[in-house]
């Protein structure tokens, strides 16, 4: 991932962080602040909805050949995942670091290592 792409994630994470109620986020004027005000169950529900919409868009694209909605829905899913990360005081860089740690590992080996934990 390029530096520009990482900075987009970090800038977005900073904006999301600023929407937390403790940082002055106003649920009356901010969608993200409203999500934070409803708590983690609302955030997790939204991720479930967006994941389902992403899957459905991919199934539609398989038939139509038009993947534009997959891109749109995936962006929504990533955005709401960033809100979830912020809810748990995690940053996008931590996810990137975890992906880097897994690079070169067999997916089967990585999964087996988690089962021991």
C-alpha atoms as a PDB file:
ATOM      1  CA  UNK A   1       0.000   0.000   0.000  1.00  0.00           C
ATOM      2  CA  UNK A   2       1.379   3.385  -0.931  1.00  0.00           C
ATOM      3  CA  UNK A   3       2.086   6.194   1.503  1.00  0.00           C
ATOM      4  CA  UNK A   4      -0.789   8.162  -0.030  1.00  0.00           C
ATOM      5  CA  UNK A   5      -3.217   5.292   0.594  1.00  0.00           C
ATOM      6  CA  UNK A   6      -2.002   4.868   4.161  1.00  0.00           C
ATOM      7  CA  UNK A   7      -2.407   8.552   4.814  1.00  0.00           C
ATOM      8  CA  UNK A   8      -5.998   8.417   3.523  1.00  0.00           C
ATOM      9  CA  UNK A   9      -6.747   5.713   6.079  1.00  0.00           C
ATOM     10  CA  UNK A  10      -4.970   7.655   8.820  1.00  0.00           C
ATOM     11  CA  UNK A  11      -6.724  10.920   7.936  1.00  0.00           C
ATOM     12  CA  UNK A  12     -10.077   9.176   7.914  1.00  0.00           C
ATOM     13  CA  UNK A  13      -9.247   7.503  11.237  1.00  0.00           C
ATOM     14  CA  UNK A  14      -8.369  10.922  12.684  1.00  0.00           C
ATOM     15  CA  UNK A  15     -11.702  12.358  11.540  1.00  0.00           C
ATOM     16  CA  UNK A  16     -13.570   9.371  12.979  1.00  0.00           C
ATOM     17  CA  UNK A  17     -11.660   9.761  16.264  1.00  0.00           C
ATOM     18  CA  UNK A  18     -12.697  13.424  16.405  1.00  0.00           C
ATOM     19  CA  UNK A  19     -16.345  12.340  16.212  1.00  0.00           C
ATOM     20  CA  UNK A  20     -16.177  10.385  19.475  1.00  0.00           C
ATOM     21  CA  UNK A  21     -18.384  11.957  22.129  1.00  0.00           C
ATOM     22  CA  UNK A  22     -15.371  12.353  24.436  1.00  0.00           C
ATOM     23  CA  UNK A  23     -13.692  14.420  21.712  1.00  0.00           C
ATOM     24  CA  UNK A  24     -16.662  16.716  21.167  1.00  0.00           C
ATOM     25  CA  UNK A  25     -18.543  14.713  18.565  1.00  0.00           C
ATOM     26  CA  UNK A  26     -22.157  15.852  18.246  1.00  0.00           C
ATOM     27  CA  UNK A  27     -24.715  13.128  17.430  1.00  0.00           C
ATOM     28  CA  UNK A  28     -27.112  15.800  16.164  1.00  0.00           C
ATOM     29  CA  UNK A  29     -24.722  16.870  13.403  1.00  0.00           C
ATOM     30  CA  UNK A  30     -22.498  13.841  12.767  1.00  0.00           C
ATOM     31  CA  UNK A  31     -23.459  10.388  11.549  1.00  0.00           C
ATOM     32  CA  UNK A  32     -20.335   8.880  13.143  1.00  0.00           C
ATOM     33  CA  UNK A  33     -20.972  10.625  16.470  1.00  0.00           C
ATOM     34  CA  UNK A  34     -24.511   9.264  16.346  1.00  0.00           C
ATOM     35  CA  UNK A  35     -23.138   5.739  15.836  1.00  0.00           C
ATOM     36  CA  UNK A  36     -20.736   6.209  18.749  1.00  0.00           C
ATOM     37  CA  UNK A  37     -23.598   7.473  20.922  1.00  0.00           C
ATOM     38  CA  UNK A  38     -25.547   4.276  20.231  1.00  0.00           C
ATOM     39  CA  UNK A  39     -22.627   2.091  21.320  1.00  0.00           C
ATOM     40  CA  UNK A  40     -20.754  -0.844  19.930  1.00  0.00           C
ATOM     41  CA  UNK A  41     -23.834  -2.977  19.215  1.00  0.00           C
ATOM     42  CA  UNK A  42     -25.075  -0.360  16.732  1.00  0.00           C
ATOM     43  CA  UNK A  43     -21.641  -0.159  15.106  1.00  0.00           C
ATOM     44  CA  UNK A  44     -21.389  -3.940  14.861  1.00  0.00           C
ATOM     45  CA  UNK A  45     -24.914  -4.191  13.437  1.00  0.00           C
ATOM     46  CA  UNK A  46     -23.981  -1.651  10.773  1.00  0.00           C
ATOM     47  CA  UNK A  47     -20.894  -3.681   9.841  1.00  0.00           C
ATOM     48  CA  UNK A  48     -23.085  -6.763   9.474  1.00  0.00           C
ATOM     49  CA  UNK A  49     -25.449  -4.861   7.200  1.00  0.00           C
ATOM     50  CA  UNK A  50     -22.608  -3.512   5.084  1.00  0.00           C
ATOM     51  CA  UNK A  51     -20.964  -6.944   4.843  1.00  0.00           C
ATOM     52  CA  UNK A  52     -24.250  -8.425   3.611  1.00  0.00           C
ATOM     53  CA  UNK A  53     -24.675  -5.620   1.083  1.00  0.00           C
ATOM     54  CA  UNK A  54     -21.117  -6.214  -0.149  1.00  0.00           C
ATOM     55  CA  UNK A  55     -21.803  -9.924  -0.626  1.00  0.00           C
ATOM     56  CA  UNK A  56     -25.054  -9.205  -2.452  1.00  0.00           C
ATOM     57  CA  UNK A  57     -23.332  -6.664  -4.728  1.00  0.00           C
ATOM     58  CA  UNK A  58     -20.660  -9.254  -5.547  1.00  0.00           C
ATOM     59  CA  UNK A  59     -23.325 -11.829  -6.390  1.00  0.00           C
ATOM     60  CA  UNK A  60     -25.073  -9.288  -8.631  1.00  0.00           C
ATOM     61  CA  UNK A  61     -21.751  -8.432 -10.298  1.00  0.00           C
ATOM     62  CA  UNK A  62     -21.149 -12.097 -11.011  1.00  0.00           C
ATOM     63  CA  UNK A  63     -24.304 -12.076 -13.129  1.00  0.00           C
ATOM     64  CA  UNK A  64     -24.146  -8.559 -14.598  1.00  0.00           C
ATOM     65  CA  UNK A  65     -20.401  -8.191 -15.037  1.00  0.00           C
ATOM     66  CA  UNK A  66     -20.616  -4.705 -13.469  1.00  0.00           C
ATOM     67  CA  UNK A  67     -18.542  -4.530 -10.276  1.00  0.00           C
ATOM     68  CA  UNK A  68     -19.172  -0.831  -9.547  1.00  0.00           C
ATOM     69  CA  UNK A  69     -21.563  -1.600  -6.698  1.00  0.00           C
ATOM     70  CA  UNK A  70     -19.016  -4.003  -5.169  1.00  0.00           C
ATOM     71  CA  UNK A  71     -16.586  -1.096  -4.924  1.00  0.00           C
ATOM     72  CA  UNK A  72     -19.228   1.202  -3.414  1.00  0.00           C
ATOM     73  CA  UNK A  73     -20.378  -1.344  -0.830  1.00  0.00           C
ATOM     74  CA  UNK A  74     -16.821  -2.356   0.059  1.00  0.00           C
ATOM     75  CA  UNK A  75     -16.012   1.303   0.732  1.00  0.00           C
ATOM     76  CA  UNK A  76     -18.990   1.423   3.113  1.00  0.00           C
ATOM     77  CA  UNK A  77     -17.796  -1.758   4.809  1.00  0.00           C
ATOM     78  CA  UNK A  78     -14.257  -0.429   5.240  1.00  0.00           C
ATOM     79  CA  UNK A  79     -15.577   2.882   6.560  1.00  0.00           C
ATOM     80  CA  UNK A  80     -17.734   1.216   9.197  1.00  0.00           C
ATOM     81  CA  UNK A  81     -14.849  -1.110  10.069  1.00  0.00           C
ATOM     82  CA  UNK A  82     -12.752   2.001  10.751  1.00  0.00           C
ATOM     83  CA  UNK A  83     -15.509   3.249  13.078  1.00  0.00           C
ATOM     84  CA  UNK A  84     -15.376  -0.106  14.889  1.00  0.00           C
ATOM     85  CA  UNK A  85     -11.601   0.097  15.207  1.00  0.00           C
ATOM     86  CA  UNK A  86     -11.946   3.570  16.740  1.00  0.00           C
ATOM     87  CA  UNK A  87     -14.573   2.264  19.151  1.00  0.00           C
ATOM     88  CA  UNK A  88     -11.925  -0.134  20.477  1.00  0.00           C
ATOM     89  CA  UNK A  89      -9.091   2.430  20.351  1.00  0.00           C
ATOM     90  CA  UNK A  90      -7.386   0.690  17.446  1.00  0.00           C
ATOM     91  CA  UNK A  91      -5.834   2.304  14.378  1.00  0.00           C
ATOM     92  CA  UNK A  92      -5.698   1.274  10.709  1.00  0.00           C
ATOM     93  CA  UNK A  93      -1.916   0.975  10.951  1.00  0.00           C
ATOM     94  CA  UNK A  94      -2.348  -1.815  13.478  1.00  0.00           C
ATOM     95  CA  UNK A  95      -4.397  -3.770  10.944  1.00  0.00           C
ATOM     96  CA  UNK A  96      -1.766  -3.116   8.268  1.00  0.00           C
ATOM     97  CA  UNK A  97       0.934  -4.273  10.685  1.00  0.00           C
ATOM     98  CA  UNK A  98      -0.996  -7.483  11.347  1.00  0.00           C
ATOM     99  CA  UNK A  99      -1.380  -8.109   7.624  1.00  0.00           C
ATOM    100  CA  UNK A 100       2.361  -7.508   7.177  1.00  0.00           C
ATOM    101  CA  UNK A 101       3.075  -9.980   9.964  1.00  0.00           C
ATOM    102  CA  UNK A 102       1.060 -12.608   8.107  1.00  0.00           C
ATOM    103  CA  UNK A 103       2.744 -11.951   4.765  1.00  0.00           C
ATOM    104  CA  UNK A 104       4.486 -15.059   3.519  1.00  0.00           C
ATOM    105  CA  UNK A 105       2.636 -17.337   5.929  1.00  0.00           C
ATOM    106  CA  UNK A 106       0.391 -20.046   4.659  1.00  0.00           C
ATOM    107  CA  UNK A 107      -3.195 -19.169   5.524  1.00  0.00           C
ATOM    108  CA  UNK A 108      -3.564 -22.629   7.004  1.00  0.00           C
ATOM    109  CA  UNK A 109      -0.487 -22.147   9.198  1.00  0.00           C
ATOM    110  CA  UNK A 110      -1.672 -18.720  10.364  1.00  0.00           C
ATOM    111  CA  UNK A 111      -5.109 -20.029  11.233  1.00  0.00           C
ATOM    112  CA  UNK A 112      -3.630 -22.992  13.103  1.00  0.00           C
ATOM    113  CA  UNK A 113      -1.467 -20.619  15.161  1.00  0.00           C
ATOM    114  CA  UNK A 114      -4.570 -18.721  16.307  1.00  0.00           C
ATOM    115  CA  UNK A 115      -6.289 -21.905  17.426  1.00  0.00           C
ATOM    116  CA  UNK A 116      -3.472 -22.521  19.911  1.00  0.00           C
ATOM    117  CA  UNK A 117      -3.920 -19.090  21.467  1.00  0.00           C
END
